[in-house]
Amino acid sequence: MLKDEREFDDALLAVVIRNLKLVKGDSKVIVMDSNGARSKAIARLLKKLATLPC
């Protein structure tokens, strides 16, 4: 379950990145932001999405 609005935004962005046609399961994706907090959260969500069945 998502805790707050920021976590919801991060999850939504991770789903959008995951569903890009160029991004496959073995693709390397670099997520950057100004201080690293959101990028780490998005990277964790992307990793979690990669383990889910399609």
PDB file of N, CA and C in Angstrom:
ATOM      1  N   MET A   1       0.841  -1.180   0.000  1.00  0.00           N
ATOM      2  CA  MET A   1       0.000   0.000   0.000  1.00  0.00           C
ATOM      3  C   MET A   1       0.884   1.241   0.000  1.00  0.00           C
ATOM      4  N   LEU A   2       0.431   2.261  -0.687  1.00  0.00           N
ATOM      5  CA  LEU A   2       1.193   3.496  -0.783  1.00  0.00           C
ATOM      6  C   LEU A   2       0.890   4.394   0.408  1.00  0.00           C
ATOM      7  N   LYS A   3       1.943   4.996   0.958  1.00  0.00           N
ATOM      8  CA  LYS A   3       1.804   5.755   2.194  1.00  0.00           C
ATOM      9  C   LYS A   3       1.351   7.193   1.975  1.00  0.00           C
ATOM     10  N   ASP A   4       1.908   7.857   0.965  1.00  0.00           N
ATOM     11  CA  ASP A   4       1.581   9.260   0.772  1.00  0.00           C
ATOM     12  C   ASP A   4       1.602   9.622  -0.710  1.00  0.00           C
ATOM     13  N   GLU A   5       1.359  10.886  -0.983  1.00  0.00           N
ATOM     14  CA  GLU A   5       1.263  11.357  -2.365  1.00  0.00           C
ATOM     15  C   GLU A   5       2.581  11.201  -3.120  1.00  0.00           C
ATOM     16  N   ARG A   6       3.687  11.458  -2.458  1.00  0.00           N
ATOM     17  CA  ARG A   6       4.993  11.336  -3.111  1.00  0.00           C
ATOM     18  C   ARG A   6       5.270   9.888  -3.508  1.00  0.00           C
ATOM     19  N   GLU A   7       4.950   8.952  -2.629  1.00  0.00           N
ATOM     20  CA  GLU A   7       5.153   7.538  -2.939  1.00  0.00           C
ATOM     21  C   GLU A   7       4.257   7.107  -4.104  1.00  0.00           C
ATOM     22  N   PHE A   8       3.057   7.654  -4.161  1.00  0.00           N
ATOM     23  CA  PHE A   8       2.157   7.376  -5.284  1.00  0.00           C
ATOM     24  C   PHE A   8       2.752   7.909  -6.586  1.00  0.00           C
ATOM     25  N   ASP A   9       3.274   9.135  -6.565  1.00  0.00           N
ATOM     26  CA  ASP A   9       3.907   9.714  -7.755  1.00  0.00           C
ATOM     27  C   ASP A   9       5.099   8.881  -8.203  1.00  0.00           C
ATOM     28  N   ASP A  10       5.916   8.431  -7.254  1.00  0.00           N
ATOM     29  CA  ASP A  10       7.079   7.605  -7.578  1.00  0.00           C
ATOM     30  C   ASP A  10       6.650   6.283  -8.212  1.00  0.00           C
ATOM     31  N   ALA A  11       5.611   5.671  -7.662  1.00  0.00           N
ATOM     32  CA  ALA A  11       5.121   4.401  -8.204  1.00  0.00           C
ATOM     33  C   ALA A  11       4.570   4.593  -9.613  1.00  0.00           C
ATOM     34  N   LEU A  12       3.854   5.671  -9.825  1.00  0.00           N
ATOM     35  CA  LEU A  12       3.305   5.955 -11.148  1.00  0.00           C
ATOM     36  C   LEU A  12       4.420   6.171 -12.161  1.00  0.00           C
ATOM     37  N   LEU A  13       5.445   6.911 -11.785  1.00  0.00           N
ATOM     38  CA  LEU A  13       6.583   7.138 -12.675  1.00  0.00           C
ATOM     39  C   LEU A  13       7.317   5.835 -12.971  1.00  0.00           C
ATOM     40  N   ALA A  14       7.471   4.982 -11.974  1.00  0.00           N
ATOM     41  CA  ALA A  14       8.127   3.688 -12.180  1.00  0.00           C
ATOM     42  C   ALA A  14       7.341   2.828 -13.165  1.00  0.00           C
ATOM     43  N   VAL A  15       6.027   2.852 -13.067  1.00  0.00           N
ATOM     44  CA  VAL A  15       5.190   2.080 -13.997  1.00  0.00           C
ATOM     45  C   VAL A  15       5.326   2.631 -15.411  1.00  0.00           C
ATOM     46  N   VAL A  16       5.365   3.945 -15.549  1.00  0.00           N
ATOM     47  CA  VAL A  16       5.527   4.558 -16.872  1.00  0.00           C
ATOM     48  C   VAL A  16       6.868   4.160 -17.475  1.00  0.00           C
ATOM     49  N   ILE A  17       7.947   4.230 -16.693  1.00  0.00           N
ATOM     50  CA  ILE A  17       9.276   3.845 -17.182  1.00  0.00           C
ATOM     51  C   ILE A  17       9.277   2.375 -17.573  1.00  0.00           C
ATOM     52  N   ARG A  18       8.690   1.526 -16.747  1.00  0.00           N
ATOM     53  CA  ARG A  18       8.669   0.078 -16.997  1.00  0.00           C
ATOM     54  C   ARG A  18       7.922  -0.258 -18.283  1.00  0.00           C
ATOM     55  N   ASN A  19       6.902   0.525 -18.604  1.00  0.00           N
ATOM     56  CA  ASN A  19       6.078   0.233 -19.769  1.00  0.00           C
ATOM     57  C   ASN A  19       6.573   0.878 -21.058  1.00  0.00           C
ATOM     58  N   LEU A  20       7.691   1.580 -21.024  1.00  0.00           N
ATOM     59  CA  LEU A  20       8.252   2.126 -22.254  1.00  0.00           C
ATOM     60  C   LEU A  20       8.666   0.980 -23.169  1.00  0.00           C
ATOM     61  N   LYS A  21       8.452   1.127 -24.455  1.00  0.00           N
ATOM     62  CA  LYS A  21       8.752   0.048 -25.394  1.00  0.00           C
ATOM     63  C   LYS A  21      10.240  -0.267 -25.448  1.00  0.00           C
ATOM     64  N   LEU A  22      11.099   0.714 -25.210  1.00  0.00           N
ATOM     65  CA  LEU A  22      12.540   0.495 -25.285  1.00  0.00           C
ATOM     66  C   LEU A  22      13.105  -0.173 -24.037  1.00  0.00           C
ATOM     67  N   VAL A  23      12.358  -0.154 -22.939  1.00  0.00           N
ATOM     68  CA  VAL A  23      12.841  -0.722 -21.683  1.00  0.00           C
ATOM     69  C   VAL A  23      12.352  -2.157 -21.577  1.00  0.00           C
ATOM     70  N   LYS A  24      13.289  -3.073 -21.583  1.00  0.00           N
ATOM     71  CA  LYS A  24      12.962  -4.486 -21.424  1.00  0.00           C
ATOM     72  C   LYS A  24      13.435  -4.926 -20.039  1.00  0.00           C
ATOM     73  N   GLY A  25      13.217  -6.159 -19.690  1.00  0.00           N
ATOM     74  CA  GLY A  25      13.578  -6.649 -18.367  1.00  0.00           C
ATOM     75  C   GLY A  25      15.053  -6.546 -18.041  1.00  0.00           C
ATOM     76  N   ASP A  26      15.921  -6.673 -19.055  1.00  0.00           N
ATOM     77  CA  ASP A  26      17.358  -6.623 -18.798  1.00  0.00           C
ATOM     78  C   ASP A  26      17.973  -5.267 -19.135  1.00  0.00           C
ATOM     79  N   SER A  27      17.144  -4.262 -19.410  1.00  0.00           N
ATOM     80  CA  SER A  27      17.646  -2.925 -19.736  1.00  0.00           C
ATOM     81  C   SER A  27      18.166  -2.235 -18.486  1.00  0.00           C
ATOM     82  N   LYS A  28      19.219  -1.448 -18.667  1.00  0.00           N
ATOM     83  CA  LYS A  28      19.716  -0.618 -17.575  1.00  0.00           C
ATOM     84  C   LYS A  28      19.057   0.747 -17.688  1.00  0.00           C
ATOM     85  N   VAL A  29      18.455   1.193 -16.603  1.00  0.00           N
ATOM     86  CA  VAL A  29      17.776   2.482 -16.566  1.00  0.00           C
ATOM     87  C   VAL A  29      18.444   3.324 -15.496  1.00  0.00           C
ATOM     88  N   ILE A  30      18.821   4.546 -15.851  1.00  0.00           N
ATOM     89  CA  ILE A  30      19.421   5.469 -14.895  1.00  0.00           C
ATOM     90  C   ILE A  30      18.375   6.512 -14.533  1.00  0.00           C
ATOM     91  N   VAL A  31      18.045   6.597 -13.252  1.00  0.00           N
ATOM     92  CA  VAL A  31      17.064   7.557 -12.759  1.00  0.00           C
ATOM     93  C   VAL A  31      17.814   8.564 -11.903  1.00  0.00           C
ATOM     94  N   MET A  32      17.683   9.846 -12.258  1.00  0.00           N
ATOM     95  CA  MET A  32      18.413  10.890 -11.532  1.00  0.00           C
ATOM     96  C   MET A  32      17.449  11.977 -11.069  1.00  0.00           C
ATOM     97  N   ASP A  33      17.758  12.559  -9.922  1.00  0.00           N
ATOM     98  CA  ASP A  33      17.047  13.741  -9.454  1.00  0.00           C
ATOM     99  C   ASP A  33      18.034  14.619  -8.700  1.00  0.00           C
ATOM    100  N   SER A  34      17.580  15.715  -8.154  1.00  0.00           N
ATOM    101  CA  SER A  34      18.489  16.706  -7.579  1.00  0.00           C
ATOM    102  C   SER A  34      19.232  16.226  -6.337  1.00  0.00           C
ATOM    103  N   ASN A  35      18.588  15.441  -5.474  1.00  0.00           N
ATOM    104  CA  ASN A  35      19.266  15.025  -4.247  1.00  0.00           C
ATOM    105  C   ASN A  35      19.345  13.516  -4.050  1.00  0.00           C
ATOM    106  N   GLY A  36      18.770  12.741  -4.942  1.00  0.00           N
ATOM    107  CA  GLY A  36      18.892  11.290  -4.866  1.00  0.00           C
ATOM    108  C   GLY A  36      17.801  10.570  -4.104  1.00  0.00           C
ATOM    109  N   ALA A  37      16.967  11.282  -3.383  1.00  0.00           N
ATOM    110  CA  ALA A  37      15.939  10.626  -2.576  1.00  0.00           C
ATOM    111  C   ALA A  37      14.866   9.978  -3.444  1.00  0.00           C
ATOM    112  N   ARG A  38      14.321  10.724  -4.373  1.00  0.00           N
ATOM    113  CA  ARG A  38      13.256  10.169  -5.223  1.00  0.00           C
ATOM    114  C   ARG A  38      13.802   9.137  -6.184  1.00  0.00           C
ATOM    115  N   SER A  39      15.002   9.357  -6.696  1.00  0.00           N
ATOM    116  CA  SER A  39      15.558   8.400  -7.662  1.00  0.00           C
ATOM    117  C   SER A  39      15.768   7.036  -7.018  1.00  0.00           C
ATOM    118  N   LYS A  40      16.179   7.010  -5.768  1.00  0.00           N
ATOM    119  CA  LYS A  40      16.348   5.732  -5.066  1.00  0.00           C
ATOM    120  C   LYS A  40      15.005   5.026  -4.898  1.00  0.00           C
ATOM    121  N   ALA A  41      13.979   5.782  -4.537  1.00  0.00           N
ATOM    122  CA  ALA A  41      12.650   5.196  -4.356  1.00  0.00           C
ATOM    123  C   ALA A  41      12.118   4.657  -5.679  1.00  0.00           C
ATOM    124  N   ILE A  42      12.312   5.414  -6.752  1.00  0.00           N
ATOM    125  CA  ILE A  42      11.841   4.980  -8.067  1.00  0.00           C
ATOM    126  C   ILE A  42      12.616   3.749  -8.518  1.00  0.00           C
ATOM    127  N   ALA A  43      13.921   3.721  -8.280  1.00  0.00           N
ATOM    128  CA  ALA A  43      14.736   2.559  -8.652  1.00  0.00           C
ATOM    129  C   ALA A  43      14.281   1.313  -7.897  1.00  0.00           C
ATOM    130  N   ARG A  44      13.964   1.466  -6.617  1.00  0.00           N
ATOM    131  CA  ARG A  44      13.469   0.320  -5.838  1.00  0.00           C
ATOM    132  C   ARG A  44      12.141  -0.189  -6.392  1.00  0.00           C
ATOM    133  N   LEU A  45      11.265   0.742  -6.749  1.00  0.00           N
ATOM    134  CA  LEU A  45       9.973   0.340  -7.314  1.00  0.00           C
ATOM    135  C   LEU A  45      10.151  -0.336  -8.665  1.00  0.00           C
ATOM    136  N   LEU A  46      11.084   0.145  -9.482  1.00  0.00           N
ATOM    137  CA  LEU A  46      11.357  -0.500 -10.764  1.00  0.00           C
ATOM    138  C   LEU A  46      11.857  -1.919 -10.563  1.00  0.00           C
ATOM    139  N   LYS A  47      12.717  -2.093  -9.573  1.00  0.00           N
ATOM    140  CA  LYS A  47      13.233  -3.431  -9.280  1.00  0.00           C
ATOM    141  C   LYS A  47      12.098  -4.349  -8.831  1.00  0.00           C
ATOM    142  N   LYS A  48      11.196  -3.812  -8.012  1.00  0.00           N
ATOM    143  CA  LYS A  48      10.054  -4.598  -7.547  1.00  0.00           C
ATOM    144  C   LYS A  48       9.126  -4.951  -8.711  1.00  0.00           C
ATOM    145  N   LEU A  49       8.913  -4.010  -9.625  1.00  0.00           N
ATOM    146  CA  LEU A  49       8.065  -4.271 -10.790  1.00  0.00           C
ATOM    147  C   LEU A  49       8.676  -5.324 -11.704  1.00  0.00           C
ATOM    148  N   ALA A  50       9.994  -5.366 -11.775  1.00  0.00           N
ATOM    149  CA  ALA A  50      10.668  -6.333 -12.650  1.00  0.00           C
ATOM    150  C   ALA A  50      10.450  -7.762 -12.170  1.00  0.00           C
ATOM    151  N   THR A  51      10.217  -7.950 -10.886  1.00  0.00           N
ATOM    152  CA  THR A  51      10.027  -9.297 -10.353  1.00  0.00           C
ATOM    153  C   THR A  51       8.584  -9.772 -10.467  1.00  0.00           C
ATOM    154  N   LEU A  52       7.660  -8.860 -10.784  1.00  0.00           N
ATOM    155  CA  LEU A  52       6.254  -9.240 -10.918  1.00  0.00           C
ATOM    156  C   LEU A  52       6.015  -9.861 -12.286  1.00  0.00           C
ATOM    157  N   PRO A  53       5.142 -10.854 -12.361  1.00  0.00           N
ATOM    158  CA  PRO A  53       4.810 -11.423 -13.676  1.00  0.00           C
ATOM    159  C   PRO A  53       4.018 -10.422 -14.501  1.00  0.00           C
ATOM    160  N   CYS A  54       4.198 -10.451 -15.812  1.00  0.00           N
ATOM    161  CA  CYS A  54       3.508  -9.495 -16.700  1.00  0.00           C
ATOM    162  C   CYS A  54       2.078  -9.866 -16.932  1.00  0.00           C
TER     163      CYS A  54
END
